[in-house]
Amino acid sequence: MKLVIVESPAKGKTIERFLGRDYEVAASFGHIRDLPRTAKEIPARLRSQPWARQADKDDSNYETV
């Protein structure tokens, strides 16, 4: 499963129809400003959180935060 994050739920529903079942589309309800480039940029106290796993290094399923 691949995750696509879009700004609004309405955009997400439209995009979902085109992408198919291999994709999950989630709305951020606003801008995503800063995403860490590497795990080193995540504060040590937060690295154990499920959202802190790097998608390019982990094939686990992610839950909505």
C-alpha atoms as a PDB file:
ATOM      1  CA  MET A   1       0.000   0.000   0.000  1.00  0.00           C
ATOM      2  CA  LYS A   2       1.273   3.470  -0.901  1.00  0.00           C
ATOM      3  CA  LEU A   3       0.220   6.628   0.917  1.00  0.00           C
ATOM      4  CA  VAL A   4      -0.582   9.896  -0.857  1.00  0.00           C
ATOM      5  CA  ILE A   5      -1.176  12.958   1.329  1.00  0.00           C
ATOM      6  CA  VAL A   6      -3.224  15.817  -0.094  1.00  0.00           C
ATOM      7  CA  GLU A   7      -4.352  19.079   1.458  1.00  0.00           C
ATOM      8  CA  SER A   8      -8.119  18.602   1.432  1.00  0.00           C
ATOM      9  CA  PRO A   9     -10.534  15.664   1.732  1.00  0.00           C
ATOM     10  CA  ALA A  10     -12.352  16.728  -1.453  1.00  0.00           C
ATOM     11  CA  LYS A  11      -9.130  16.550  -3.477  1.00  0.00           C
ATOM     12  CA  GLY A  12      -8.371  13.224  -1.843  1.00  0.00           C
ATOM     13  CA  LYS A  13     -11.652  11.642  -2.918  1.00  0.00           C
ATOM     14  CA  THR A  14     -11.104  12.746  -6.514  1.00  0.00           C
ATOM     15  CA  ILE A  15      -7.524  11.479  -6.597  1.00  0.00           C
ATOM     16  CA  GLU A  16      -8.529   8.156  -4.974  1.00  0.00           C
ATOM     17  CA  ARG A  17     -10.764   7.356  -7.936  1.00  0.00           C
ATOM     18  CA  PHE A  18      -7.811   7.599 -10.325  1.00  0.00           C
ATOM     19  CA  LEU A  19      -5.165   5.796  -8.279  1.00  0.00           C
ATOM     20  CA  GLY A  20      -6.895   2.543  -7.416  1.00  0.00           C
ATOM     21  CA  ARG A  21      -6.629   0.095  -4.526  1.00  0.00           C
ATOM     22  CA  ASP A  22      -2.830   0.126  -4.245  1.00  0.00           C
ATOM     23  CA  TYR A  23      -2.983   3.660  -2.853  1.00  0.00           C
ATOM     24  CA  GLU A  24      -4.437   5.198   0.281  1.00  0.00           C
ATOM     25  CA  VAL A  25      -5.175   8.907   0.069  1.00  0.00           C
ATOM     26  CA  ALA A  26      -5.254  10.911   3.314  1.00  0.00           C
ATOM     27  CA  ALA A  27      -5.998  14.587   3.881  1.00  0.00           C
ATOM     28  CA  SER A  28      -3.661  16.737   5.970  1.00  0.00           C
ATOM     29  CA  PHE A  29      -6.340  19.455   6.350  1.00  0.00           C
ATOM     30  CA  GLY A  30      -3.655  22.067   5.684  1.00  0.00           C
ATOM     31  CA  HIS A  31      -0.076  22.536   4.625  1.00  0.00           C
ATOM     32  CA  ILE A  32       2.676  20.084   5.440  1.00  0.00           C
ATOM     33  CA  ARG A  33       5.584  22.384   6.069  1.00  0.00           C
ATOM     34  CA  ASP A  34       8.561  20.432   7.289  1.00  0.00           C
ATOM     35  CA  LEU A  35       9.159  16.756   6.770  1.00  0.00           C
ATOM     36  CA  PRO A  36      12.414  15.299   8.054  1.00  0.00           C
ATOM     37  CA  ARG A  37      14.806  14.196   5.318  1.00  0.00           C
ATOM     38  CA  THR A  38      16.386  11.555   7.544  1.00  0.00           C
ATOM     39  CA  ALA A  39      15.671   9.911  10.892  1.00  0.00           C
ATOM     40  CA  LYS A  40      18.555  11.939  12.362  1.00  0.00           C
ATOM     41  CA  GLU A  41      16.424  15.090  12.020  1.00  0.00           C
ATOM     42  CA  ILE A  42      13.742  13.643  14.329  1.00  0.00           C
ATOM     43  CA  PRO A  43      14.387  14.420  18.022  1.00  0.00           C
ATOM     44  CA  ALA A  44      15.661  11.316  19.855  1.00  0.00           C
ATOM     45  CA  ARG A  45      12.707  11.305  22.266  1.00  0.00           C
ATOM     46  CA  LEU A  46      10.293  10.973  19.316  1.00  0.00           C
ATOM     47  CA  ARG A  47      12.112   8.384  17.180  1.00  0.00           C
ATOM     48  CA  SER A  48      10.214   5.471  18.727  1.00  0.00           C
ATOM     49  CA  GLN A  49       6.856   6.881  17.580  1.00  0.00           C
ATOM     50  CA  PRO A  50       5.165   4.954  14.717  1.00  0.00           C
ATOM     51  CA  TRP A  51       5.080   8.052  12.484  1.00  0.00           C
ATOM     52  CA  ALA A  52       8.847   8.496  12.836  1.00  0.00           C
ATOM     53  CA  ARG A  53       9.708   5.438  10.728  1.00  0.00           C
ATOM     54  CA  GLN A  54      11.150   6.339   7.371  1.00  0.00           C
ATOM     55  CA  ALA A  55       8.970   5.025   4.535  1.00  0.00           C
ATOM     56  CA  ASP A  56      11.912   4.372   2.232  1.00  0.00           C
ATOM     57  CA  LYS A  57      13.441   2.046   4.850  1.00  0.00           C
ATOM     58  CA  ASP A  58      10.310   0.387   6.246  1.00  0.00           C
ATOM     59  CA  ASP A  59       7.535  -1.485   4.443  1.00  0.00           C
ATOM     60  CA  SER A  60       5.208  -1.533   7.463  1.00  0.00           C
ATOM     61  CA  ASN A  61       1.656  -0.300   7.199  1.00  0.00           C
ATOM     62  CA  TYR A  62       1.150   3.156   8.648  1.00  0.00           C
ATOM     63  CA  GLU A  63      -1.816   4.316  10.699  1.00  0.00           C
ATOM     64  CA  THR A  64      -3.396   7.746  10.372  1.00  0.00           C
ATOM     65  CA  VAL A  65      -1.923  10.077  12.989  1.00  0.00           C
END
